C-alpha atoms as a PDB file:
ATOM      1  CA  UNK A   1    -196.048 135.776 109.937  1.00  0.00           C
ATOM      2  CA  UNK A   2    -193.743 132.789 110.447  1.00  0.00           C
ATOM      3  CA  UNK A   3    -193.801 129.580 108.429  1.00  0.00           C
ATOM      4  CA  UNK A   4    -194.471 126.064 109.633  1.00  0.00           C
ATOM      5  CA  UNK A   5    -190.801 125.213 109.182  1.00  0.00           C
ATOM      6  CA  UNK A   6    -189.780 128.212 111.288  1.00  0.00           C
ATOM      7  CA  UNK A   7    -192.253 127.202 114.004  1.00  0.00           C
ATOM      8  CA  UNK A   8    -191.169 123.544 114.126  1.00  0.00           C
ATOM      9  CA  UNK A   9    -188.983 123.827 117.217  1.00  0.00           C
ATOM     10  CA  UNK A  10    -191.685 125.726 119.111  1.00  0.00           C
ATOM     11  CA  UNK A  11    -194.408 123.270 118.093  1.00  0.00           C
ATOM     12  CA  UNK A  12    -192.339 120.334 119.320  1.00  0.00           C
ATOM     13  CA  UNK A  13    -191.564 122.178 122.561  1.00  0.00           C
ATOM     14  CA  UNK A  14    -195.256 122.877 123.113  1.00  0.00           C
ATOM     15  CA  UNK A  15    -195.946 119.196 122.429  1.00  0.00           C
ATOM     16  CA  UNK A  16    -198.937 117.341 121.083  1.00  0.00           C
ATOM     17  CA  UNK A  17    -200.809 117.277 124.393  1.00  0.00           C
ATOM     18  CA  UNK A  18    -200.805 121.070 124.659  1.00  0.00           C
ATOM     19  CA  UNK A  19    -201.642 121.526 120.973  1.00  0.00           C
ATOM     20  CA  UNK A  20    -204.585 119.149 121.272  1.00  0.00           C
ATOM     21  CA  UNK A  21    -205.962 120.592 124.493  1.00  0.00           C
ATOM     22  CA  UNK A  22    -205.585 124.181 123.328  1.00  0.00           C
ATOM     23  CA  UNK A  23    -207.029 123.534 119.868  1.00  0.00           C
ATOM     24  CA  UNK A  24    -210.589 122.827 121.011  1.00  0.00           C
ATOM     25  CA  UNK A  25    -210.649 120.348 118.114  1.00  0.00           C
ATOM     26  CA  UNK A  26    -211.166 116.592 117.990  1.00  0.00           C
ATOM     27  CA  UNK A  27    -207.806 116.268 116.262  1.00  0.00           C
ATOM     28  CA  UNK A  28    -205.833 113.476 117.912  1.00  0.00           C
ATOM     29  CA  UNK A  29    -205.040 110.190 116.210  1.00  0.00           C
ATOM     30  CA  UNK A  30    -205.731 106.840 117.839  1.00  0.00           C
ATOM     31  CA  UNK A  31    -203.109 106.058 120.521  1.00  0.00           C
ATOM     32  CA  UNK A  32    -202.269 102.851 118.632  1.00  0.00           C
ATOM     33  CA  UNK A  33    -199.907 105.016 116.558  1.00  0.00           C
ATOM     34  CA  UNK A  34    -196.489 104.906 118.226  1.00  0.00           C
ATOM     35  CA  UNK A  35    -192.984 106.116 117.289  1.00  0.00           C
ATOM     36  CA  UNK A  36    -190.889 103.442 115.576  1.00  0.00           C
ATOM     37  CA  UNK A  37    -187.865 104.588 117.569  1.00  0.00           C
ATOM     38  CA  UNK A  38    -187.435 106.467 120.804  1.00  0.00           C
ATOM     39  CA  UNK A  39    -187.143 110.196 120.283  1.00  0.00           C
ATOM     40  CA  UNK A  40    -188.908 110.333 116.922  1.00  0.00           C
ATOM     41  CA  UNK A  41    -190.894 113.529 116.401  1.00  0.00           C
ATOM     42  CA  UNK A  42    -192.118 115.425 113.384  1.00  0.00           C
ATOM     43  CA  UNK A  43    -193.935 118.466 112.044  1.00  0.00           C
ATOM     44  CA  UNK A  44    -195.202 118.817 108.496  1.00  0.00           C
ATOM     45  CA  UNK A  45    -198.043 118.983 106.025  1.00  0.00           C
ATOM     46  CA  UNK A  46    -199.992 115.834 105.256  1.00  0.00           C
ATOM     47  CA  UNK A  47    -199.844 113.987 101.970  1.00  0.00           C
ATOM     48  CA  UNK A  48    -202.531 111.301 102.379  1.00  0.00           C
ATOM     49  CA  UNK A  49    -201.888 107.882 100.852  1.00  0.00           C
ATOM     50  CA  UNK A  50    -204.196 104.875 100.658  1.00  0.00           C
ATOM     51  CA  UNK A  51    -202.573 101.448 100.287  1.00  0.00           C
ATOM     52  CA  UNK A  52    -204.000  97.958  99.921  1.00  0.00           C
ATOM     53  CA  UNK A  53    -203.395  95.399 102.652  1.00  0.00           C
ATOM     54  CA  UNK A  54    -199.886  94.037 102.301  1.00  0.00           C
ATOM     55  CA  UNK A  55    -199.123  96.179  99.226  1.00  0.00           C
ATOM     56  CA  UNK A  56    -196.710  99.106  99.468  1.00  0.00           C
ATOM     57  CA  UNK A  57    -196.667 100.315  95.858  1.00  0.00           C
ATOM     58  CA  UNK A  58    -198.779 103.327  96.840  1.00  0.00           C
ATOM     59  CA  UNK A  59    -196.103 104.445  99.286  1.00  0.00           C
ATOM     60  CA  UNK A  60    -193.513 104.580  96.510  1.00  0.00           C
ATOM     61  CA  UNK A  61    -195.884 106.825  94.551  1.00  0.00           C
ATOM     62  CA  UNK A  62    -196.353 108.884  97.703  1.00  0.00           C
ATOM     63  CA  UNK A  63    -192.611 109.503  97.971  1.00  0.00           C
ATOM     64  CA  UNK A  64    -192.605 110.843  94.412  1.00  0.00           C
ATOM     65  CA  UNK A  65    -195.650 113.067  95.033  1.00  0.00           C
ATOM     66  CA  UNK A  66    -194.413 114.581  98.297  1.00  0.00           C
ATOM     67  CA  UNK A  67    -191.839 117.301  98.742  1.00  0.00           C
ATOM     68  CA  UNK A  68    -189.965 119.365 101.310  1.00  0.00           C
ATOM     69  CA  UNK A  69    -191.850 119.744 104.575  1.00  0.00           C
ATOM     70  CA  UNK A  70    -194.437 117.071 103.776  1.00  0.00           C
ATOM     71  CA  UNK A  71    -195.390 114.069 105.889  1.00  0.00           C
ATOM     72  CA  UNK A  72    -196.748 110.901 104.313  1.00  0.00           C
ATOM     73  CA  UNK A  73    -199.906 109.864 106.161  1.00  0.00           C
ATOM     74  CA  UNK A  74    -200.860 106.364 105.079  1.00  0.00           C
ATOM     75  CA  UNK A  75    -203.970 104.260 105.491  1.00  0.00           C
ATOM     76  CA  UNK A  76    -202.760 100.674 105.157  1.00  0.00           C
ATOM     77  CA  UNK A  77    -205.701  99.203 107.035  1.00  0.00           C
ATOM     78  CA  UNK A  78    -203.634  98.537 110.149  1.00  0.00           C
ATOM     79  CA  UNK A  79    -202.175  95.398 108.591  1.00  0.00           C
ATOM     80  CA  UNK A  80    -198.898  94.231 110.205  1.00  0.00           C
ATOM     81  CA  UNK A  81    -196.681  94.216 107.118  1.00  0.00           C
ATOM     82  CA  UNK A  82    -193.327  95.941 106.703  1.00  0.00           C
ATOM     83  CA  UNK A  83    -194.572  98.667 104.363  1.00  0.00           C
ATOM     84  CA  UNK A  84    -191.618 100.976 105.003  1.00  0.00           C
ATOM     85  CA  UNK A  85    -187.945 100.571 105.792  1.00  0.00           C
ATOM     86  CA  UNK A  86    -184.462 101.985 105.352  1.00  0.00           C
ATOM     87  CA  UNK A  87    -184.457 102.221 101.545  1.00  0.00           C
ATOM     88  CA  UNK A  88    -187.704 104.189 101.396  1.00  0.00           C
ATOM     89  CA  UNK A  89    -186.590 106.449 104.250  1.00  0.00           C
ATOM     90  CA  UNK A  90    -183.423 107.373 102.366  1.00  0.00           C
ATOM     91  CA  UNK A  91    -185.486 108.105  99.247  1.00  0.00           C
ATOM     92  CA  UNK A  92    -187.900 110.241 101.301  1.00  0.00           C
ATOM     93  CA  UNK A  93    -185.145 112.216 102.983  1.00  0.00           C
ATOM     94  CA  UNK A  94    -183.598 112.997  99.607  1.00  0.00           C
ATOM     95  CA  UNK A  95    -186.878 114.721  98.693  1.00  0.00           C
ATOM     96  CA  UNK A  96    -187.058 116.648 101.959  1.00  0.00           C
ATOM     97  CA  UNK A  97    -189.968 114.622 103.355  1.00  0.00           C
ATOM     98  CA  UNK A  98    -190.285 115.159 107.109  1.00  0.00           C
ATOM     99  CA  UNK A  99    -191.616 111.755 108.154  1.00  0.00           C
ATOM    100  CA  UNK A 100    -194.219 109.030 107.988  1.00  0.00           C
ATOM    101  CA  UNK A 101    -197.437 108.214 109.825  1.00  0.00           C
ATOM    102  CA  UNK A 102    -198.917 104.847 108.848  1.00  0.00           C
ATOM    103  CA  UNK A 103    -201.768 102.660 110.028  1.00  0.00           C
ATOM    104  CA  UNK A 104    -199.689  99.577 109.355  1.00  0.00           C
ATOM    105  CA  UNK A 105    -196.193  98.297 109.991  1.00  0.00           C
ATOM    106  CA  UNK A 106    -192.648  99.509 109.446  1.00  0.00           C
ATOM    107  CA  UNK A 107    -189.304  97.752 109.758  1.00  0.00           C
ATOM    108  CA  UNK A 108    -185.583  98.616 109.964  1.00  0.00           C
ATOM    109  CA  UNK A 109    -186.255 100.659 113.065  1.00  0.00           C
ATOM    110  CA  UNK A 110    -182.594 100.838 114.070  1.00  0.00           C
ATOM    111  CA  UNK A 111    -181.698 102.194 110.643  1.00  0.00           C
ATOM    112  CA  UNK A 112    -184.582 104.682 110.760  1.00  0.00           C
ATOM    113  CA  UNK A 113    -183.221 105.933 114.076  1.00  0.00           C
ATOM    114  CA  UNK A 114    -179.690 106.218 112.669  1.00  0.00           C
ATOM    115  CA  UNK A 115    -181.046 108.201 109.720  1.00  0.00           C
ATOM    116  CA  UNK A 116    -183.107 110.370 112.039  1.00  0.00           C
ATOM    117  CA  UNK A 117    -186.175 109.665 109.928  1.00  0.00           C
ATOM    118  CA  UNK A 118    -189.325 109.971 112.078  1.00  0.00           C
ATOM    119  CA  UNK A 119    -191.841 107.169 111.548  1.00  0.00           C
ATOM    120  CA  UNK A 120    -195.023 106.531 113.517  1.00  0.00           C
ATOM    121  CA  UNK A 121    -196.878 103.268 112.972  1.00  0.00           C
ATOM    122  CA  UNK A 122    -199.356 100.864 114.509  1.00  0.00           C
ATOM    123  CA  UNK A 123    -196.991  97.902 114.149  1.00  0.00           C
ATOM    124  CA  UNK A 124    -193.365  96.885 113.741  1.00  0.00           C
ATOM    125  CA  UNK A 125    -193.156  94.036 111.249  1.00  0.00           C
ATOM    126  CA  UNK A 126    -190.664  92.366 108.910  1.00  0.00           C
ATOM    127  CA  UNK A 127    -193.417  90.682 106.909  1.00  0.00           C
ATOM    128  CA  UNK A 128    -192.924  91.346 103.195  1.00  0.00           C
ATOM    129  CA  UNK A 129    -195.202  93.286 100.882  1.00  0.00           C
ATOM    130  CA  UNK A 130    -196.333  92.998  97.260  1.00  0.00           C
ATOM    131  CA  UNK A 131    -196.604  95.720  94.637  1.00  0.00           C
ATOM    132  CA  UNK A 132    -199.820  95.281  92.682  1.00  0.00           C
ATOM    133  CA  UNK A 133    -202.039  98.325  93.404  1.00  0.00           C
ATOM    134  CA  UNK A 134    -200.819 101.935  93.032  1.00  0.00           C
ATOM    135  CA  UNK A 135    -203.378 103.145  95.552  1.00  0.00           C
ATOM    136  CA  UNK A 136    -204.357 106.787  95.922  1.00  0.00           C
ATOM    137  CA  UNK A 137    -202.198 109.793  96.717  1.00  0.00           C
ATOM    138  CA  UNK A 138    -203.529 113.186  97.770  1.00  0.00           C
ATOM    139  CA  UNK A 139    -207.135 112.128  98.279  1.00  0.00           C
ATOM    140  CA  UNK A 140    -208.603 112.328 101.803  1.00  0.00           C
ATOM    141  CA  UNK A 141    -208.184 109.198 103.907  1.00  0.00           C
ATOM    142  CA  UNK A 142    -209.665 108.060 107.204  1.00  0.00           C
ATOM    143  CA  UNK A 143    -207.339 106.788 109.924  1.00  0.00           C
ATOM    144  CA  UNK A 144    -209.319 104.982 112.607  1.00  0.00           C
ATOM    145  CA  UNK A 145    -212.134 107.492 112.413  1.00  0.00           C
ATOM    146  CA  UNK A 146    -210.052 110.609 111.751  1.00  0.00           C
ATOM    147  CA  UNK A 147    -210.238 112.168 108.273  1.00  0.00           C
ATOM    148  CA  UNK A 148    -206.946 113.538 106.929  1.00  0.00           C
ATOM    149  CA  UNK A 149    -206.765 115.965 103.980  1.00  0.00           C
ATOM    150  CA  UNK A 150    -203.796 117.049 101.942  1.00  0.00           C
ATOM    151  CA  UNK A 151    -202.122 120.027 103.569  1.00  0.00           C
ATOM    152  CA  UNK A 152    -203.381 119.309 107.082  1.00  0.00           C
ATOM    153  CA  UNK A 153    -200.890 120.134 109.815  1.00  0.00           C
ATOM    154  CA  UNK A 154    -199.329 117.051 111.434  1.00  0.00           C
ATOM    155  CA  UNK A 155    -197.383 117.120 114.707  1.00  0.00           C
ATOM    156  CA  UNK A 156    -196.182 113.888 116.325  1.00  0.00           C
ATOM    157  CA  UNK A 157    -194.110 113.091 119.395  1.00  0.00           C
ATOM    158  CA  UNK A 158    -193.853 110.334 121.981  1.00  0.00           C
ATOM    159  CA  UNK A 159    -197.195 111.362 123.546  1.00  0.00           C
ATOM    160  CA  UNK A 160    -199.269 111.135 120.382  1.00  0.00           C
ATOM    161  CA  UNK A 161    -200.208 112.707 117.062  1.00  0.00           C
ATOM    162  CA  UNK A 162    -202.413 115.676 116.221  1.00  0.00           C
ATOM    163  CA  UNK A 163    -203.740 116.485 112.741  1.00  0.00           C
ATOM    164  CA  UNK A 164    -205.719 119.660 112.102  1.00  0.00           C
ATOM    165  CA  UNK A 165    -206.680 121.859 109.125  1.00  0.00           C
ATOM    166  CA  UNK A 166    -204.092 124.336 107.887  1.00  0.00           C
ATOM    167  CA  UNK A 167    -206.719 127.069 108.188  1.00  0.00           C
ATOM    168  CA  UNK A 168    -206.734 126.544 111.963  1.00  0.00           C
ATOM    169  CA  UNK A 169    -202.964 126.795 112.321  1.00  0.00           C
ATOM    170  CA  UNK A 170    -202.564 130.392 113.514  1.00  0.00           C
ATOM    171  CA  UNK A 171    -205.413 130.058 116.012  1.00  0.00           C
ATOM    172  CA  UNK A 172    -204.150 126.738 117.405  1.00  0.00           C
ATOM    173  CA  UNK A 173    -200.609 128.048 117.776  1.00  0.00           C
ATOM    174  CA  UNK A 174    -201.783 131.199 119.571  1.00  0.00           C
ATOM    175  CA  UNK A 175    -204.050 129.204 121.887  1.00  0.00           C
ATOM    176  CA  UNK A 176    -201.242 126.737 122.623  1.00  0.00           C
ATOM    177  CA  UNK A 177    -198.834 129.538 123.506  1.00  0.00           C
ATOM    178  CA  UNK A 178    -201.394 131.007 125.881  1.00  0.00           C
ATOM    179  CA  UNK A 179    -202.026 127.624 127.486  1.00  0.00           C
ATOM    180  CA  UNK A 180    -198.321 126.958 127.945  1.00  0.00           C
ATOM    181  CA  UNK A 181    -197.839 130.372 129.583  1.00  0.00           C
ATOM    182  CA  UNK A 182    -200.758 129.742 131.920  1.00  0.00           C
ATOM    183  CA  UNK A 183    -199.457 126.291 132.878  1.00  0.00           C
ATOM    184  CA  UNK A 184    -196.034 127.766 133.610  1.00  0.00           C
ATOM    185  CA  UNK A 185    -197.654 130.053 136.196  1.00  0.00           C
ATOM    186  CA  UNK A 186    -199.489 127.065 137.678  1.00  0.00           C
ATOM    187  CA  UNK A 187    -196.212 125.182 138.032  1.00  0.00           C
ATOM    188  CA  UNK A 188    -194.694 128.126 139.893  1.00  0.00           C
ATOM    189  CA  UNK A 189    -197.591 128.085 142.340  1.00  0.00           C
ATOM    190  CA  UNK A 190    -197.328 124.331 142.827  1.00  0.00           C
ATOM    191  CA  UNK A 191    -193.595 124.583 143.514  1.00  0.00           C
ATOM    192  CA  UNK A 192    -194.430 127.237 146.110  1.00  0.00           C
ATOM    193  CA  UNK A 193    -196.581 124.701 147.949  1.00  0.00           C
ATOM    194  CA  UNK A 194    -200.138 125.218 146.705  1.00  0.00           C
ATOM    195  CA  UNK A 195    -202.213 122.156 145.928  1.00  0.00           C
ATOM    196  CA  UNK A 196    -203.686 121.226 142.572  1.00  0.00           C
ATOM    197  CA  UNK A 197    -207.129 121.532 144.178  1.00  0.00           C
ATOM    198  CA  UNK A 198    -206.529 125.235 144.775  1.00  0.00           C
ATOM    199  CA  UNK A 199    -204.510 126.051 141.661  1.00  0.00           C
ATOM    200  CA  UNK A 200    -207.195 124.590 139.402  1.00  0.00           C
ATOM    201  CA  UNK A 201    -210.100 125.634 141.658  1.00  0.00           C
ATOM    202  CA  UNK A 202    -211.303 122.044 141.964  1.00  0.00           C
ATOM    203  CA  UNK A 203    -212.746 122.418 145.485  1.00  0.00           C
ATOM    204  CA  UNK A 204    -215.955 123.836 144.069  1.00  0.00           C
ATOM    205  CA  UNK A 205    -216.525 120.476 142.370  1.00  0.00           C
ATOM    206  CA  UNK A 206    -217.119 118.786 145.698  1.00  0.00           C
ATOM    207  CA  UNK A 207    -215.187 116.975 148.401  1.00  0.00           C
ATOM    208  CA  UNK A 208    -214.962 113.241 149.131  1.00  0.00           C
ATOM    209  CA  UNK A 209    -216.865 111.660 151.998  1.00  0.00           C
ATOM    210  CA  UNK A 210    -214.689 110.944 155.011  1.00  0.00           C
ATOM    211  CA  UNK A 211    -215.032 107.263 155.873  1.00  0.00           C
ATOM    212  CA  UNK A 212    -213.167 105.085 158.259  1.00  0.00           C
ATOM    213  CA  UNK A 213    -211.811 101.721 157.388  1.00  0.00           C
ATOM    214  CA  UNK A 214    -213.234  99.208 159.847  1.00  0.00           C
ATOM    215  CA  UNK A 215    -210.599  96.650 160.836  1.00  0.00           C
END
């Protein structure tokens, strides 16, 4: 049995769309979450963090609590503050943290790209933060309707983000491999000239009425 780290390249090749569709789970995050820089992608295990609006103290505690292969997944209420930047990314990388997903803002996006630190957020913002409330680390959080637990599998790329229970990992990976293999055969048939209607057997779903446009 391989590890999540060993499967990272394959998971990113499969992509979030395939993982989601093959999973048969309601496991995608709201599309408001976008990569802070083009090309950002990540795989890891979730460390949930809850922060107060405009307060990033909890994220500093999250960096300390997380370790190699982890991803900080932060509920910051969607507030457009600069909760995370270059300094925190350097600190996270030193601990082997694989990336950040935050319902809130990040800054220093050019520096994050130069570091190769993957960050996904709902805003880009330079607005400053305070440090009054240590928040929660490790407890389940809810991101726009999706509950995230510690240890959940997180995969993010330019198409979106999926988060699913670690106990579902082997099944989701196997189903995703099967789906990718099946789609590869469909692509071969399409390149050979078949239509999507025939490849996917859509004709049985009905045909459109033929109408003429009257000049």
